[in-house]
Amino acid sequence: MTRIKGWLYILFLLFSLIFVGITHQGTIVGDYLFRMIGIPPWSEAATNQGLHYSVIFGIIMLIVSGNLTIKYFKQRYKKYVGRSVILYCIIFIYLYPILTEQLYYLVNVKNEGVKVVDFLEKDSDCMYGTQEDIVKIQCTIRLINYGGQNETVKIRPIFREYGNSQGIWSFVKIQPQEITLLPRSNIKYNIQFESKPDVMIAEFGANGNTNQFGVEFVKDGQKKEVFRN
C-alpha cells in the first residue's frame, strides 16, 4: 500500500506538471481542460487577459503534489530528495514543449492536408500600413508542417480588434499567398501580403505592428484557422 501511495503521488505531480506546462504551440493543457468543463481559464474570457485561473489552480496542484512526493521519499532516502524533485520538475518543464512537438510529428507522419500545418505565435509578428486604398502587410510567421511530405497551402493573417467591431480589420480583405512547407519542418518565413482595394481603407488608415494575430490555411477546398489569443 505504501508503494502504491508513492506512485500515486508521482502521478499526481506529473499530472500537475502537464496541467501547467506550456506546449510548443504556446498553449496550456489546463486551459483546454477548463474550457472542456465550461469554465473560462481567464477572468476576462473575451481577450484572454486578467487572472489566469487555470494556471493558479495548476500551481496550487503543483505545490501540493510536490510536497506530498517529497515527504514520501524523504522517509526512504533522506538526502537531497527536495532538490532532486525540484530539479526533475525544472527539467520536465524545459523539455515539455520539445516532447509535445515531437509527439505531433509522430502522430501526423502519414497525414496530409491542412490538418498537419500549424502556426506558432513565438517569433511571429506583422507590420502593416495603408497606401491609398490598400493595406500592405509584412509578416514574419513561424509555420510547422507535421506531415511527412511537402504541403502547398494558401495562407493569410487574421487580425481581430477586441471591443471594436467597426475597426479597419472588420472589412479589410487580405489576399492569400501560396507557400510550400517542407516535411517535418518548423521554419520562420517572411511573407508580404496586400489587401484588396477598398475606398474605406483610405478613410480609416492603419499603421502599426502586432504579434497578436492568427493564420488561415486553405488547401483543396479545406480551411483551417489557427488563432490562440
C-alpha atoms as a PDB file:
ATOM      1  CA  MET A   1       0.000   0.000   0.000  1.00  0.00           C
ATOM      2  CA  THR A   2       2.848   2.400   0.850  1.00  0.00           C
ATOM      3  CA  ARG A   3       4.476   1.804  -2.547  1.00  0.00           C
ATOM      4  CA  ILE A   4       1.137   2.417  -4.321  1.00  0.00           C
ATOM      5  CA  LYS A   5       0.790   5.681  -2.422  1.00  0.00           C
ATOM      6  CA  GLY A   6       4.225   6.740  -3.633  1.00  0.00           C
ATOM      7  CA  TRP A   7       3.295   6.038  -7.268  1.00  0.00           C
ATOM      8  CA  LEU A   8       0.049   7.962  -6.841  1.00  0.00           C
ATOM      9  CA  TYR A   9       1.998  10.981  -5.568  1.00  0.00           C
ATOM     10  CA  ILE A  10       4.357  10.778  -8.565  1.00  0.00           C
ATOM     11  CA  LEU A  11       1.425  10.547 -10.997  1.00  0.00           C
ATOM     12  CA  PHE A  12      -0.247  13.498  -9.264  1.00  0.00           C
ATOM     13  CA  LEU A  13       2.966  15.512  -9.643  1.00  0.00           C
ATOM     14  CA  LEU A  14       3.288  14.503 -13.302  1.00  0.00           C
ATOM     15  CA  PHE A  15      -0.323  15.499 -13.992  1.00  0.00           C
ATOM     16  CA  SER A  16       0.269  18.859 -12.282  1.00  0.00           C
ATOM     17  CA  LEU A  17       3.334  19.492 -14.467  1.00  0.00           C
ATOM     18  CA  ILE A  18       1.411  18.631 -17.637  1.00  0.00           C
ATOM     19  CA  PHE A  19      -1.508  20.788 -16.468  1.00  0.00           C
ATOM     20  CA  VAL A  20       0.620  23.961 -16.212  1.00  0.00           C
ATOM     21  CA  GLY A  21       3.261  23.079 -18.819  1.00  0.00           C
ATOM     22  CA  ILE A  22       3.452  25.216 -21.958  1.00  0.00           C
ATOM     23  CA  THR A  23       3.423  23.213 -25.198  1.00  0.00           C
ATOM     24  CA  HIS A  24       5.420  24.076 -28.325  1.00  0.00           C
ATOM     25  CA  GLN A  25       2.240  25.826 -29.565  1.00  0.00           C
ATOM     26  CA  GLY A  26       2.291  28.166 -26.581  1.00  0.00           C
ATOM     27  CA  THR A  27      -0.877  26.588 -25.197  1.00  0.00           C
ATOM     28  CA  ILE A  28      -1.574  25.193 -21.734  1.00  0.00           C
ATOM     29  CA  VAL A  29      -3.358  21.882 -21.158  1.00  0.00           C
ATOM     30  CA  GLY A  30      -5.086  23.386 -18.120  1.00  0.00           C
ATOM     31  CA  ASP A  31      -6.791  25.985 -20.335  1.00  0.00           C
ATOM     32  CA  TYR A  32      -8.162  23.231 -22.574  1.00  0.00           C
ATOM     33  CA  LEU A  33      -9.432  21.182 -19.598  1.00  0.00           C
ATOM     34  CA  PHE A  34     -11.096  24.244 -18.029  1.00  0.00           C
ATOM     35  CA  ARG A  35     -12.897  25.059 -21.290  1.00  0.00           C
ATOM     36  CA  MET A  36     -13.915  21.400 -21.680  1.00  0.00           C
ATOM     37  CA  ILE A  37     -15.869  21.570 -18.398  1.00  0.00           C
ATOM     38  CA  GLY A  38     -17.289  25.003 -19.181  1.00  0.00           C
ATOM     39  CA  ILE A  39     -15.006  27.187 -17.033  1.00  0.00           C
ATOM     40  CA  PRO A  40     -13.195  30.135 -18.708  1.00  0.00           C
ATOM     41  CA  PRO A  41      -9.447  29.899 -17.936  1.00  0.00           C
ATOM     42  CA  TRP A  42      -9.141  33.712 -17.796  1.00  0.00           C
ATOM     43  CA  SER A  43     -11.111  36.246 -15.750  1.00  0.00           C
ATOM     44  CA  GLU A  44     -11.552  38.298 -18.952  1.00  0.00           C
ATOM     45  CA  ALA A  45     -12.583  35.495 -21.278  1.00  0.00           C
ATOM     46  CA  ALA A  46     -13.096  37.644 -24.414  1.00  0.00           C
ATOM     47  CA  THR A  47      -9.482  38.860 -24.509  1.00  0.00           C
ATOM     48  CA  ASN A  48      -7.683  36.111 -22.540  1.00  0.00           C
ATOM     49  CA  GLN A  49      -6.467  38.649 -20.002  1.00  0.00           C
ATOM     50  CA  GLY A  50      -6.753  39.231 -16.277  1.00  0.00           C
ATOM     51  CA  LEU A  51      -6.386  36.430 -13.740  1.00  0.00           C
ATOM     52  CA  HIS A  52      -5.291  33.133 -15.287  1.00  0.00           C
ATOM     53  CA  TYR A  53      -7.473  30.767 -13.269  1.00  0.00           C
ATOM     54  CA  SER A  54      -6.149  27.535 -14.765  1.00  0.00           C
ATOM     55  CA  VAL A  55      -2.523  28.476 -14.037  1.00  0.00           C
ATOM     56  CA  ILE A  56      -3.364  29.492 -10.454  1.00  0.00           C
ATOM     57  CA  PHE A  57      -5.148  26.158  -9.937  1.00  0.00           C
ATOM     58  CA  GLY A  58      -2.244  24.297 -11.575  1.00  0.00           C
ATOM     59  CA  ILE A  59       0.373  25.977  -9.379  1.00  0.00           C
ATOM     60  CA  ILE A  60      -1.618  25.027  -6.263  1.00  0.00           C
ATOM     61  CA  MET A  61      -1.746  21.413  -7.513  1.00  0.00           C
ATOM     62  CA  LEU A  62       1.986  21.522  -8.248  1.00  0.00           C
ATOM     63  CA  ILE A  63       2.811  22.743  -4.726  1.00  0.00           C
ATOM     64  CA  VAL A  64       0.570  20.130  -3.095  1.00  0.00           C
ATOM     65  CA  SER A  65       1.770  17.225  -5.268  1.00  0.00           C
ATOM     66  CA  GLY A  66       5.393  18.294  -4.920  1.00  0.00           C
ATOM     67  CA  ASN A  67       5.160  18.412  -1.127  1.00  0.00           C
ATOM     68  CA  LEU A  68       3.443  15.010  -0.961  1.00  0.00           C
ATOM     69  CA  THR A  69       6.097  13.455  -3.220  1.00  0.00           C
ATOM     70  CA  ILE A  70       8.988  14.999  -1.261  1.00  0.00           C
ATOM     71  CA  LYS A  71       7.562  13.922   2.100  1.00  0.00           C
ATOM     72  CA  TYR A  72       7.030  10.362   0.890  1.00  0.00           C
ATOM     73  CA  PHE A  73      10.538   9.891  -0.500  1.00  0.00           C
ATOM     74  CA  LYS A  74      12.205  11.650   2.430  1.00  0.00           C
ATOM     75  CA  GLN A  75      11.011   8.806   4.629  1.00  0.00           C
ATOM     76  CA  ARG A  76      13.017   6.378   2.475  1.00  0.00           C
ATOM     77  CA  TYR A  77      16.007   8.252   1.065  1.00  0.00           C
ATOM     78  CA  LYS A  78      16.542  11.166   3.477  1.00  0.00           C
ATOM     79  CA  LYS A  79      19.160  13.147   1.476  1.00  0.00           C
ATOM     80  CA  TYR A  80      18.625  15.526  -1.466  1.00  0.00           C
ATOM     81  CA  VAL A  81      15.021  14.460  -2.060  1.00  0.00           C
ATOM     82  CA  GLY A  82      13.664  18.008  -2.185  1.00  0.00           C
ATOM     83  CA  ARG A  83      16.414  19.226  -4.532  1.00  0.00           C
ATOM     84  CA  SER A  84      16.017  16.188  -6.776  1.00  0.00           C
ATOM     85  CA  VAL A  85      12.240  16.621  -7.145  1.00  0.00           C
ATOM     86  CA  ILE A  86      12.620  20.328  -7.927  1.00  0.00           C
ATOM     87  CA  LEU A  87      15.392  19.593 -10.445  1.00  0.00           C
ATOM     88  CA  TYR A  88      13.274  16.930 -12.195  1.00  0.00           C
ATOM     89  CA  CYS A  89      10.354  19.387 -12.368  1.00  0.00           C
ATOM     90  CA  ILE A  90      12.559  22.071 -13.955  1.00  0.00           C
ATOM     91  CA  ILE A  91      13.938  19.575 -16.500  1.00  0.00           C
ATOM     92  CA  PHE A  92      10.421  18.374 -17.363  1.00  0.00           C
ATOM     93  CA  ILE A  93       9.103  21.929 -17.879  1.00  0.00           C
ATOM     94  CA  TYR A  94      12.097  22.715 -20.111  1.00  0.00           C
ATOM     95  CA  LEU A  95      11.691  19.529 -22.211  1.00  0.00           C
ATOM     96  CA  TYR A  96       7.877  19.562 -22.330  1.00  0.00           C
ATOM     97  CA  PRO A  97       7.488  21.781 -25.468  1.00  0.00           C
ATOM     98  CA  ILE A  98      10.119  19.693 -27.284  1.00  0.00           C
ATOM     99  CA  LEU A  99       8.265  16.496 -26.355  1.00  0.00           C
ATOM    100  CA  THR A 100       4.874  17.826 -27.481  1.00  0.00           C
ATOM    101  CA  GLU A 101       6.272  18.915 -30.861  1.00  0.00           C
ATOM    102  CA  GLN A 102       7.896  15.523 -31.448  1.00  0.00           C
ATOM    103  CA  LEU A 103       4.627  13.824 -30.485  1.00  0.00           C
ATOM    104  CA  TYR A 104       2.762  15.859 -33.131  1.00  0.00           C
ATOM    105  CA  TYR A 105       5.330  14.824 -35.752  1.00  0.00           C
ATOM    106  CA  LEU A 106       4.921  11.170 -34.771  1.00  0.00           C
ATOM    107  CA  VAL A 107       1.114  11.221 -34.799  1.00  0.00           C
ATOM    108  CA  ASN A 108       0.874  13.058 -38.148  1.00  0.00           C
ATOM    109  CA  VAL A 109       3.682  11.351 -40.088  1.00  0.00           C
ATOM    110  CA  LYS A 110       1.212   9.728 -42.521  1.00  0.00           C
ATOM    111  CA  ASN A 111      -1.387  12.514 -42.533  1.00  0.00           C
ATOM    112  CA  GLU A 112      -1.661  15.343 -45.045  1.00  0.00           C
ATOM    113  CA  GLY A 113      -3.642  18.491 -45.846  1.00  0.00           C
ATOM    114  CA  VAL A 114      -4.494  21.463 -43.645  1.00  0.00           C
ATOM    115  CA  LYS A 115      -4.680  19.324 -40.511  1.00  0.00           C
ATOM    116  CA  VAL A 116      -0.884  18.830 -40.482  1.00  0.00           C
ATOM    117  CA  VAL A 117       0.051  22.521 -40.851  1.00  0.00           C
ATOM    118  CA  ASP A 118       0.244  24.888 -37.915  1.00  0.00           C
ATOM    119  CA  PHE A 119       1.140  28.431 -36.876  1.00  0.00           C
ATOM    120  CA  LEU A 120       3.204  29.359 -33.819  1.00  0.00           C
ATOM    121  CA  GLU A 121       2.960  32.780 -32.201  1.00  0.00           C
ATOM    122  CA  LYS A 122       6.546  32.523 -30.992  1.00  0.00           C
ATOM    123  CA  ASP A 123       8.826  34.741 -33.124  1.00  0.00           C
ATOM    124  CA  SER A 124       5.820  35.798 -35.266  1.00  0.00           C
ATOM    125  CA  ASP A 125       4.789  39.411 -35.873  1.00  0.00           C
ATOM    126  CA  CYS A 126       3.313  41.642 -38.559  1.00  0.00           C
ATOM    127  CA  MET A 127       3.860  45.271 -39.591  1.00  0.00           C
ATOM    128  CA  TYR A 128       1.158  46.989 -41.614  1.00  0.00           C
ATOM    129  CA  GLY A 129       0.417  50.331 -43.203  1.00  0.00           C
ATOM    130  CA  THR A 130      -2.064  51.838 -45.637  1.00  0.00           C
ATOM    131  CA  GLN A 131      -1.099  53.013 -49.095  1.00  0.00           C
ATOM    132  CA  GLU A 132      -4.049  54.817 -50.681  1.00  0.00           C
ATOM    133  CA  ASP A 133      -6.834  52.214 -50.867  1.00  0.00           C
ATOM    134  CA  ILE A 134      -4.872  49.095 -49.847  1.00  0.00           C
ATOM    135  CA  VAL A 135      -3.129  47.804 -46.716  1.00  0.00           C
ATOM    136  CA  LYS A 136       0.384  46.401 -47.135  1.00  0.00           C
ATOM    137  CA  ILE A 137       1.370  43.826 -44.512  1.00  0.00           C
ATOM    138  CA  GLN A 138       4.851  42.420 -43.885  1.00  0.00           C
ATOM    139  CA  CYS A 139       4.789  39.363 -41.646  1.00  0.00           C
ATOM    140  CA  THR A 140       7.354  37.128 -40.016  1.00  0.00           C
ATOM    141  CA  ILE A 141       5.479  33.881 -39.396  1.00  0.00           C
ATOM    142  CA  ARG A 142       6.666  30.632 -37.842  1.00  0.00           C
ATOM    143  CA  LEU A 143       4.928  27.745 -39.613  1.00  0.00           C
ATOM    144  CA  ILE A 144       5.042  24.000 -38.962  1.00  0.00           C
ATOM    145  CA  ASN A 145       4.349  21.021 -41.200  1.00  0.00           C
ATOM    146  CA  TYR A 146       3.903  17.943 -39.008  1.00  0.00           C
ATOM    147  CA  GLY A 147       3.398  15.665 -42.013  1.00  0.00           C
ATOM    148  CA  GLY A 148       5.905  13.585 -43.931  1.00  0.00           C
ATOM    149  CA  GLN A 149       5.539  15.326 -47.294  1.00  0.00           C
ATOM    150  CA  ASN A 150       5.551  18.805 -48.825  1.00  0.00           C
ATOM    151  CA  GLU A 151       2.374  20.793 -48.203  1.00  0.00           C
ATOM    152  CA  THR A 152       1.493  23.642 -50.592  1.00  0.00           C
ATOM    153  CA  VAL A 153      -1.115  25.838 -48.924  1.00  0.00           C
ATOM    154  CA  LYS A 154      -2.568  29.326 -49.245  1.00  0.00           C
ATOM    155  CA  ILE A 155      -2.207  31.405 -46.098  1.00  0.00           C
ATOM    156  CA  ARG A 156      -3.201  34.828 -44.851  1.00  0.00           C
ATOM    157  CA  PRO A 157      -3.017  36.536 -41.457  1.00  0.00           C
ATOM    158  CA  ILE A 158      -6.131  37.093 -39.365  1.00  0.00           C
ATOM    159  CA  PHE A 159      -6.404  40.244 -37.269  1.00  0.00           C
ATOM    160  CA  ARG A 160      -9.005  40.914 -34.592  1.00  0.00           C
ATOM    161  CA  GLU A 161      -9.839  44.111 -32.773  1.00  0.00           C
ATOM    162  CA  TYR A 162     -11.419  43.225 -29.437  1.00  0.00           C
ATOM    163  CA  GLY A 163     -14.146  45.658 -28.440  1.00  0.00           C
ATOM    164  CA  ASN A 164     -14.084  47.410 -31.838  1.00  0.00           C
ATOM    165  CA  SER A 165     -16.420  45.663 -34.280  1.00  0.00           C
ATOM    166  CA  GLN A 166     -16.294  48.652 -36.651  1.00  0.00           C
ATOM    167  CA  GLY A 167     -12.479  48.858 -36.922  1.00  0.00           C
ATOM    168  CA  ILE A 168     -10.496  48.550 -40.126  1.00  0.00           C
ATOM    169  CA  TRP A 169      -9.969  44.787 -39.792  1.00  0.00           C
ATOM    170  CA  SER A 170     -13.742  44.263 -39.810  1.00  0.00           C
ATOM    171  CA  PHE A 171     -13.890  44.926 -43.557  1.00  0.00           C
ATOM    172  CA  VAL A 172     -10.341  44.605 -44.962  1.00  0.00           C
ATOM    173  CA  LYS A 173      -9.972  41.554 -47.221  1.00  0.00           C
ATOM    174  CA  ILE A 174      -6.371  40.281 -47.128  1.00  0.00           C
ATOM    175  CA  GLN A 175      -5.322  38.355 -50.217  1.00  0.00           C
ATOM    176  CA  PRO A 176      -3.675  34.978 -49.501  1.00  0.00           C
ATOM    177  CA  GLN A 177      -0.195  33.909 -50.542  1.00  0.00           C
ATOM    178  CA  GLU A 178       0.786  30.399 -51.601  1.00  0.00           C
ATOM    179  CA  ILE A 179       3.661  28.722 -49.817  1.00  0.00           C
ATOM    180  CA  THR A 180       5.173  25.229 -49.726  1.00  0.00           C
ATOM    181  CA  LEU A 181       6.048  23.849 -46.304  1.00  0.00           C
ATOM    182  CA  LEU A 182       8.772  21.214 -46.135  1.00  0.00           C
ATOM    183  CA  PRO A 183       8.105  17.837 -44.437  1.00  0.00           C
ATOM    184  CA  ARG A 184       8.511  17.758 -40.631  1.00  0.00           C
ATOM    185  CA  SER A 185       9.593  21.402 -40.593  1.00  0.00           C
ATOM    186  CA  ASN A 186       9.415  24.286 -38.134  1.00  0.00           C
ATOM    187  CA  ILE A 187      10.565  27.374 -40.062  1.00  0.00           C
ATOM    188  CA  LYS A 188      10.200  31.138 -39.796  1.00  0.00           C
ATOM    189  CA  TYR A 189       9.032  32.782 -43.055  1.00  0.00           C
ATOM    190  CA  ASN A 190       8.986  36.415 -44.183  1.00  0.00           C
ATOM    191  CA  ILE A 191       5.856  36.977 -46.288  1.00  0.00           C
ATOM    192  CA  GLN A 192       4.281  40.123 -47.721  1.00  0.00           C
ATOM    193  CA  PHE A 193       0.505  40.417 -48.038  1.00  0.00           C
ATOM    194  CA  GLU A 194      -1.808  43.029 -49.535  1.00  0.00           C
ATOM    195  CA  SER A 195      -5.472  43.735 -49.040  1.00  0.00           C
ATOM    196  CA  LYS A 196      -7.962  44.043 -51.841  1.00  0.00           C
ATOM    197  CA  PRO A 197      -8.525  47.716 -52.853  1.00  0.00           C
ATOM    198  CA  ASP A 198     -11.284  49.407 -50.835  1.00  0.00           C
ATOM    199  CA  VAL A 199     -12.153  53.126 -50.688  1.00  0.00           C
ATOM    200  CA  MET A 200     -12.903  52.778 -46.956  1.00  0.00           C
ATOM    201  CA  ILE A 201      -9.243  51.930 -46.281  1.00  0.00           C
ATOM    202  CA  ALA A 202      -8.128  55.443 -47.261  1.00  0.00           C
ATOM    203  CA  GLU A 203     -10.688  56.898 -44.820  1.00  0.00           C
ATOM    204  CA  PHE A 204      -9.661  54.722 -41.852  1.00  0.00           C
ATOM    205  CA  GLY A 205      -5.907  54.332 -42.296  1.00  0.00           C
ATOM    206  CA  ALA A 206      -3.909  51.749 -40.366  1.00  0.00           C
ATOM    207  CA  ASN A 207      -0.267  51.760 -39.328  1.00  0.00           C
ATOM    208  CA  GLY A 208       1.439  49.666 -36.690  1.00  0.00           C
ATOM    209  CA  ASN A 209       2.714  46.242 -35.740  1.00  0.00           C
ATOM    210  CA  THR A 210       1.416  43.353 -33.697  1.00  0.00           C
ATOM    211  CA  ASN A 211       2.251  39.840 -32.585  1.00  0.00           C
ATOM    212  CA  GLN A 212      -1.378  39.104 -31.756  1.00  0.00           C
ATOM    213  CA  PHE A 213      -2.830  37.568 -34.882  1.00  0.00           C
ATOM    214  CA  GLY A 214      -3.828  34.240 -36.341  1.00  0.00           C
ATOM    215  CA  VAL A 215      -3.337  32.456 -39.655  1.00  0.00           C
ATOM    216  CA  GLU A 216      -5.814  30.960 -42.098  1.00  0.00           C
ATOM    217  CA  PHE A 217      -4.712  27.910 -44.121  1.00  0.00           C
ATOM    218  CA  VAL A 218      -6.539  26.782 -47.273  1.00  0.00           C
ATOM    219  CA  LYS A 219      -5.863  23.670 -49.376  1.00  0.00           C
ATOM    220  CA  ASP A 220      -8.087  21.646 -51.704  1.00  0.00           C
ATOM    221  CA  GLY A 221     -11.196  23.494 -50.544  1.00  0.00           C
ATOM    222  CA  GLN A 222     -10.467  22.838 -46.856  1.00  0.00           C
ATOM    223  CA  LYS A 223      -9.893  25.737 -44.489  1.00  0.00           C
ATOM    224  CA  LYS A 224      -8.257  25.878 -41.071  1.00  0.00           C
ATOM    225  CA  GLU A 225      -7.882  28.898 -38.798  1.00  0.00           C
ATOM    226  CA  VAL A 226      -5.302  28.994 -36.021  1.00  0.00           C
ATOM    227  CA  PHE A 227      -5.795  31.833 -33.536  1.00  0.00           C
ATOM    228  CA  ARG A 228      -4.611  31.248 -29.972  1.00  0.00           C
ATOM    229  CA  ASN A 229      -5.004  34.708 -28.414  1.00  0.00           C
END
